[in-house]
Amino acid sequence: MTDSEQEASPSSESIMADLWSAPDGTQEALLDSLNELFEHLRRCPGFIEGQTLRGVNPTKILAYARFDSAAAQQQAQDSPGVDALVRGLREIAHQNLGRYTVAETFLPPD
């Protein structure tokens, strides 16, 4: 955990957003490794959804995962195999990790 992360209350959704800085030529390897991580996370209890987003700047990739609670997110992060997957990701790119809770949701008007 970093100082910039915010702790969610146990009953609220928790969102993990990782901004990865990938040197030129490593983006596809990073995306492949993120896909492997998400294949693991999506089977964890409390996982709602996840996405990887390519930046307009091709060296930036955002990984986003939403869990039904901070406890579910922590359990997923502590599950066997996740540490090794994240270490592999960090060998490819630099990680800026954040944990968030929803402040506001905006939907189209009715």
N, C-alpha and C. Protein backbone atom coordinates (compact mmCIF):
# COMPACT_ATOMS: atom_id res chain seq x y z
N MET A 1 0.83 -1.19 0.00
CA MET A 1 0.00 0.00 0.00
C MET A 1 0.87 1.25 0.00
N THR A 2 0.44 2.26 -0.71
CA THR A 2 1.18 3.51 -0.74
C THR A 2 0.43 4.56 0.06
N ASP A 3 1.12 5.65 0.38
CA ASP A 3 0.49 6.72 1.14
C ASP A 3 -0.67 7.35 0.41
N SER A 4 -0.67 7.29 -0.94
CA SER A 4 -1.72 7.95 -1.71
C SER A 4 -2.99 7.13 -1.80
N GLU A 5 -2.96 5.89 -1.32
CA GLU A 5 -4.16 5.06 -1.40
C GLU A 5 -5.14 5.44 -0.30
N GLN A 6 -6.41 5.34 -0.62
CA GLN A 6 -7.46 5.64 0.34
C GLN A 6 -8.09 4.34 0.77
N GLU A 7 -8.29 4.17 2.06
CA GLU A 7 -8.94 2.98 2.57
C GLU A 7 -10.45 3.10 2.38
N ALA A 8 -11.05 2.06 1.87
CA ALA A 8 -12.50 2.04 1.68
C ALA A 8 -13.15 1.46 2.93
N SER A 9 -14.37 1.86 3.20
CA SER A 9 -15.09 1.23 4.29
C SER A 9 -15.46 -0.18 3.85
N PRO A 10 -15.56 -1.13 4.80
CA PRO A 10 -15.78 -2.52 4.43
C PRO A 10 -17.04 -2.77 3.61
N SER A 11 -18.05 -1.90 3.70
CA SER A 11 -19.31 -2.14 3.00
C SER A 11 -19.39 -1.46 1.63
N SER A 12 -18.39 -0.67 1.26
CA SER A 12 -18.47 0.04 -0.02
C SER A 12 -17.60 -0.63 -1.07
N GLU A 13 -17.94 -0.37 -2.33
CA GLU A 13 -17.13 -0.89 -3.42
C GLU A 13 -15.72 -0.32 -3.32
N SER A 14 -14.78 -1.08 -3.84
CA SER A 14 -13.39 -0.65 -3.86
C SER A 14 -12.87 -0.77 -5.28
N ILE A 15 -12.18 0.25 -5.73
CA ILE A 15 -11.66 0.30 -7.09
C ILE A 15 -10.14 0.41 -7.02
N MET A 16 -9.49 -0.46 -7.76
CA MET A 16 -8.05 -0.43 -7.85
C MET A 16 -7.71 0.08 -9.25
N ALA A 17 -6.86 1.09 -9.31
CA ALA A 17 -6.44 1.63 -10.60
C ALA A 17 -4.92 1.69 -10.61
N ASP A 18 -4.32 0.98 -11.54
CA ASP A 18 -2.87 0.97 -11.70
C ASP A 18 -2.53 1.65 -13.02
N LEU A 19 -1.76 2.70 -12.95
CA LEU A 19 -1.24 3.33 -14.16
C LEU A 19 0.17 2.79 -14.37
N TRP A 20 0.35 2.08 -15.47
CA TRP A 20 1.63 1.47 -15.80
C TRP A 20 2.34 2.30 -16.84
N SER A 21 3.63 2.55 -16.63
CA SER A 21 4.49 3.22 -17.61
C SER A 21 5.38 2.14 -18.21
N ALA A 22 5.13 1.83 -19.48
CA ALA A 22 5.82 0.74 -20.16
C ALA A 22 6.76 1.30 -21.22
N PRO A 23 8.05 0.98 -21.13
CA PRO A 23 8.98 1.45 -22.16
C PRO A 23 8.55 0.96 -23.55
N ASP A 24 8.92 1.73 -24.56
CA ASP A 24 8.60 1.34 -25.93
C ASP A 24 9.01 -0.10 -26.18
N GLY A 25 8.15 -0.82 -26.86
CA GLY A 25 8.42 -2.21 -27.20
C GLY A 25 7.97 -3.22 -26.17
N THR A 26 7.51 -2.75 -24.99
CA THR A 26 7.10 -3.69 -23.94
C THR A 26 5.59 -3.68 -23.69
N GLN A 27 4.85 -2.85 -24.43
CA GLN A 27 3.42 -2.69 -24.15
C GLN A 27 2.65 -4.00 -24.35
N GLU A 28 2.92 -4.74 -25.39
CA GLU A 28 2.18 -5.99 -25.63
C GLU A 28 2.49 -7.02 -24.55
N ALA A 29 3.74 -7.10 -24.13
CA ALA A 29 4.10 -8.01 -23.04
C ALA A 29 3.38 -7.61 -21.76
N LEU A 30 3.28 -6.31 -21.51
CA LEU A 30 2.56 -5.83 -20.33
C LEU A 30 1.09 -6.20 -20.41
N LEU A 31 0.46 -5.95 -21.55
CA LEU A 31 -0.95 -6.30 -21.71
C LEU A 31 -1.18 -7.80 -21.55
N ASP A 32 -0.29 -8.62 -22.11
CA ASP A 32 -0.42 -10.07 -21.94
C ASP A 32 -0.35 -10.47 -20.47
N SER A 33 0.57 -9.85 -19.73
CA SER A 33 0.71 -10.15 -18.31
C SER A 33 -0.47 -9.64 -17.50
N LEU A 34 -0.99 -8.46 -17.86
CA LEU A 34 -2.19 -7.95 -17.19
C LEU A 34 -3.39 -8.86 -17.46
N ASN A 35 -3.50 -9.37 -18.68
CA ASN A 35 -4.58 -10.31 -18.99
C ASN A 35 -4.49 -11.55 -18.11
N GLU A 36 -3.29 -12.04 -17.90
CA GLU A 36 -3.10 -13.20 -17.02
C GLU A 36 -3.53 -12.88 -15.59
N LEU A 37 -3.16 -11.70 -15.11
CA LEU A 37 -3.57 -11.28 -13.77
C LEU A 37 -5.09 -11.18 -13.68
N PHE A 38 -5.73 -10.56 -14.67
CA PHE A 38 -7.19 -10.41 -14.64
C PHE A 38 -7.90 -11.76 -14.74
N GLU A 39 -7.32 -12.72 -15.46
CA GLU A 39 -7.92 -14.06 -15.50
C GLU A 39 -7.96 -14.66 -14.10
N HIS A 40 -6.96 -14.35 -13.30
CA HIS A 40 -6.95 -14.81 -11.91
C HIS A 40 -7.95 -14.01 -11.07
N LEU A 41 -7.88 -12.68 -11.15
CA LEU A 41 -8.72 -11.81 -10.30
C LEU A 41 -10.21 -12.02 -10.56
N ARG A 42 -10.59 -12.23 -11.81
CA ARG A 42 -12.03 -12.33 -12.12
C ARG A 42 -12.69 -13.56 -11.52
N ARG A 43 -11.90 -14.50 -11.04
CA ARG A 43 -12.42 -15.69 -10.38
C ARG A 43 -12.49 -15.52 -8.86
N CYS A 44 -12.02 -14.39 -8.36
CA CYS A 44 -12.02 -14.15 -6.91
C CYS A 44 -13.39 -13.65 -6.46
N PRO A 45 -13.83 -14.09 -5.27
CA PRO A 45 -15.10 -13.59 -4.73
C PRO A 45 -15.08 -12.07 -4.61
N GLY A 46 -16.16 -11.43 -5.00
CA GLY A 46 -16.29 -9.98 -4.88
C GLY A 46 -15.82 -9.20 -6.08
N PHE A 47 -15.21 -9.87 -7.07
CA PHE A 47 -14.77 -9.17 -8.28
C PHE A 47 -16.01 -8.78 -9.09
N ILE A 48 -16.10 -7.52 -9.50
CA ILE A 48 -17.22 -7.03 -10.30
C ILE A 48 -16.83 -6.88 -11.76
N GLU A 49 -15.74 -6.17 -12.02
CA GLU A 49 -15.30 -5.96 -13.40
C GLU A 49 -13.87 -5.47 -13.42
N GLY A 50 -13.27 -5.55 -14.59
CA GLY A 50 -11.93 -5.01 -14.78
C GLY A 50 -11.72 -4.63 -16.22
N GLN A 51 -10.82 -3.72 -16.45
CA GLN A 51 -10.49 -3.28 -17.80
C GLN A 51 -9.01 -2.91 -17.86
N THR A 52 -8.45 -3.05 -19.06
CA THR A 52 -7.16 -2.44 -19.35
C THR A 52 -7.41 -1.40 -20.42
N LEU A 53 -6.79 -0.24 -20.26
CA LEU A 53 -6.99 0.89 -21.17
C LEU A 53 -5.64 1.35 -21.71
N ARG A 54 -5.55 1.43 -23.04
CA ARG A 54 -4.34 1.96 -23.67
C ARG A 54 -4.40 3.48 -23.66
N GLY A 55 -3.30 4.10 -23.31
CA GLY A 55 -3.24 5.55 -23.35
C GLY A 55 -3.01 6.06 -24.75
N VAL A 56 -3.40 7.30 -25.00
CA VAL A 56 -3.06 7.95 -26.26
C VAL A 56 -1.53 7.95 -26.38
N ASN A 57 -0.87 8.19 -25.26
CA ASN A 57 0.58 7.99 -25.17
C ASN A 57 0.78 6.48 -25.03
N PRO A 58 1.36 5.81 -26.02
CA PRO A 58 1.41 4.34 -26.01
C PRO A 58 2.22 3.73 -24.87
N THR A 59 2.98 4.55 -24.15
CA THR A 59 3.74 4.01 -23.04
C THR A 59 2.92 3.94 -21.75
N LYS A 60 1.69 4.43 -21.78
CA LYS A 60 0.82 4.43 -20.59
C LYS A 60 -0.32 3.43 -20.78
N ILE A 61 -0.49 2.56 -19.79
CA ILE A 61 -1.58 1.59 -19.78
C ILE A 61 -2.21 1.62 -18.39
N LEU A 62 -3.53 1.76 -18.36
CA LEU A 62 -4.26 1.80 -17.10
C LEU A 62 -4.99 0.48 -16.91
N ALA A 63 -4.81 -0.12 -15.75
CA ALA A 63 -5.54 -1.33 -15.37
C ALA A 63 -6.50 -0.95 -14.27
N TYR A 64 -7.76 -1.32 -14.43
CA TYR A 64 -8.83 -0.92 -13.53
C TYR A 64 -9.57 -2.18 -13.07
N ALA A 65 -9.74 -2.34 -11.77
CA ALA A 65 -10.51 -3.48 -11.25
C ALA A 65 -11.45 -2.97 -10.17
N ARG A 66 -12.69 -3.45 -10.21
CA ARG A 66 -13.71 -3.05 -9.24
C ARG A 66 -14.14 -4.27 -8.45
N PHE A 67 -14.17 -4.13 -7.13
CA PHE A 67 -14.58 -5.18 -6.21
C PHE A 67 -15.75 -4.69 -5.38
N ASP A 68 -16.53 -5.63 -4.85
CA ASP A 68 -17.70 -5.22 -4.07
C ASP A 68 -17.34 -4.67 -2.70
N SER A 69 -16.09 -4.84 -2.26
CA SER A 69 -15.66 -4.28 -0.98
C SER A 69 -14.14 -4.22 -0.92
N ALA A 70 -13.64 -3.41 -0.01
CA ALA A 70 -12.19 -3.35 0.20
C ALA A 70 -11.67 -4.70 0.70
N ALA A 71 -12.47 -5.37 1.50
CA ALA A 71 -12.07 -6.69 2.02
C ALA A 71 -11.93 -7.70 0.89
N ALA A 72 -12.85 -7.68 -0.06
CA ALA A 72 -12.76 -8.59 -1.22
C ALA A 72 -11.54 -8.26 -2.06
N GLN A 73 -11.27 -6.99 -2.23
CA GLN A 73 -10.08 -6.60 -2.99
C GLN A 73 -8.83 -7.08 -2.29
N GLN A 74 -8.76 -6.88 -1.00
CA GLN A 74 -7.57 -7.31 -0.26
C GLN A 74 -7.41 -8.82 -0.31
N GLN A 75 -8.53 -9.54 -0.20
CA GLN A 75 -8.48 -11.01 -0.28
C GLN A 75 -7.96 -11.44 -1.66
N ALA A 76 -8.41 -10.77 -2.71
CA ALA A 76 -7.93 -11.09 -4.06
C ALA A 76 -6.44 -10.81 -4.18
N GLN A 77 -5.99 -9.68 -3.65
CA GLN A 77 -4.58 -9.32 -3.72
C GLN A 77 -3.72 -10.30 -2.93
N ASP A 78 -4.28 -10.87 -1.86
CA ASP A 78 -3.55 -11.82 -1.01
C ASP A 78 -3.65 -13.26 -1.51
N SER A 79 -4.45 -13.51 -2.54
CA SER A 79 -4.66 -14.88 -3.00
C SER A 79 -3.38 -15.43 -3.63
N PRO A 80 -3.20 -16.75 -3.55
CA PRO A 80 -1.98 -17.37 -4.07
C PRO A 80 -1.75 -17.05 -5.55
N GLY A 81 -0.53 -16.72 -5.86
CA GLY A 81 -0.16 -16.45 -7.24
C GLY A 81 -0.15 -14.99 -7.64
N VAL A 82 -0.89 -14.14 -6.93
CA VAL A 82 -0.98 -12.73 -7.32
C VAL A 82 0.37 -12.03 -7.15
N ASP A 83 1.07 -12.29 -6.05
CA ASP A 83 2.37 -11.64 -5.85
C ASP A 83 3.32 -11.93 -7.00
N ALA A 84 3.38 -13.17 -7.44
CA ALA A 84 4.28 -13.53 -8.54
C ALA A 84 3.86 -12.83 -9.84
N LEU A 85 2.55 -12.76 -10.08
CA LEU A 85 2.08 -12.07 -11.29
C LEU A 85 2.43 -10.59 -11.26
N VAL A 86 2.25 -9.95 -10.11
CA VAL A 86 2.55 -8.52 -9.98
C VAL A 86 4.06 -8.28 -10.09
N ARG A 87 4.88 -9.17 -9.49
CA ARG A 87 6.33 -9.04 -9.64
C ARG A 87 6.73 -9.10 -11.11
N GLY A 88 6.11 -10.00 -11.86
CA GLY A 88 6.39 -10.10 -13.29
C GLY A 88 6.01 -8.82 -14.02
N LEU A 89 4.88 -8.24 -13.66
CA LEU A 89 4.46 -6.97 -14.27
C LEU A 89 5.47 -5.87 -13.98
N ARG A 90 5.96 -5.84 -12.75
CA ARG A 90 6.92 -4.79 -12.36
C ARG A 90 8.27 -4.96 -13.04
N GLU A 91 8.56 -6.14 -13.53
CA GLU A 91 9.79 -6.33 -14.31
C GLU A 91 9.65 -5.73 -15.71
N ILE A 92 8.42 -5.57 -16.16
CA ILE A 92 8.16 -5.02 -17.50
C ILE A 92 7.98 -3.51 -17.46
N ALA A 93 7.27 -3.02 -16.44
CA ALA A 93 6.86 -1.60 -16.43
C ALA A 93 6.85 -1.06 -15.01
N HIS A 94 6.77 0.26 -14.90
CA HIS A 94 6.68 0.94 -13.60
C HIS A 94 5.20 1.09 -13.23
N GLN A 95 4.88 0.80 -11.97
CA GLN A 95 3.50 0.81 -11.49
C GLN A 95 3.23 2.01 -10.59
N ASN A 96 2.09 2.66 -10.80
CA ASN A 96 1.57 3.69 -9.90
C ASN A 96 0.20 3.21 -9.43
N LEU A 97 0.15 2.59 -8.26
CA LEU A 97 -1.04 1.94 -7.74
C LEU A 97 -1.88 2.90 -6.93
N GLY A 98 -3.21 2.77 -7.05
CA GLY A 98 -4.13 3.53 -6.23
C GLY A 98 -5.36 2.72 -5.89
N ARG A 99 -5.93 2.96 -4.73
CA ARG A 99 -7.19 2.34 -4.33
C ARG A 99 -8.18 3.46 -4.10
N TYR A 100 -9.39 3.28 -4.61
CA TYR A 100 -10.38 4.36 -4.59
C TYR A 100 -11.75 3.83 -4.19
N THR A 101 -12.58 4.72 -3.70
CA THR A 101 -14.00 4.45 -3.50
C THR A 101 -14.77 5.43 -4.37
N VAL A 102 -15.99 5.09 -4.71
CA VAL A 102 -16.80 5.93 -5.58
C VAL A 102 -17.26 7.17 -4.81
N ALA A 103 -16.96 8.34 -5.35
CA ALA A 103 -17.42 9.60 -4.77
C ALA A 103 -18.76 9.99 -5.39
N GLU A 104 -18.87 9.90 -6.70
CA GLU A 104 -20.10 10.23 -7.43
C GLU A 104 -20.17 9.34 -8.66
N THR A 105 -21.39 9.03 -9.07
CA THR A 105 -21.63 8.30 -10.31
C THR A 105 -22.50 9.17 -11.20
N PHE A 106 -22.16 9.25 -12.47
CA PHE A 106 -22.91 10.06 -13.43
C PHE A 106 -23.46 9.15 -14.50
N LEU A 107 -24.76 9.25 -14.74
CA LEU A 107 -25.45 8.47 -15.75
C LEU A 107 -26.16 9.41 -16.72
N PRO A 108 -26.49 8.93 -17.90
CA PRO A 108 -27.24 9.80 -18.81
C PRO A 108 -28.60 10.14 -18.20
N PRO A 109 -29.17 11.27 -18.57
CA PRO A 109 -30.51 11.62 -18.05
C PRO A 109 -31.56 10.62 -18.56
N ASP A 110 -32.62 10.50 -17.80
CA ASP A 110 -33.71 9.59 -18.20
C ASP A 110 -34.41 10.07 -19.43
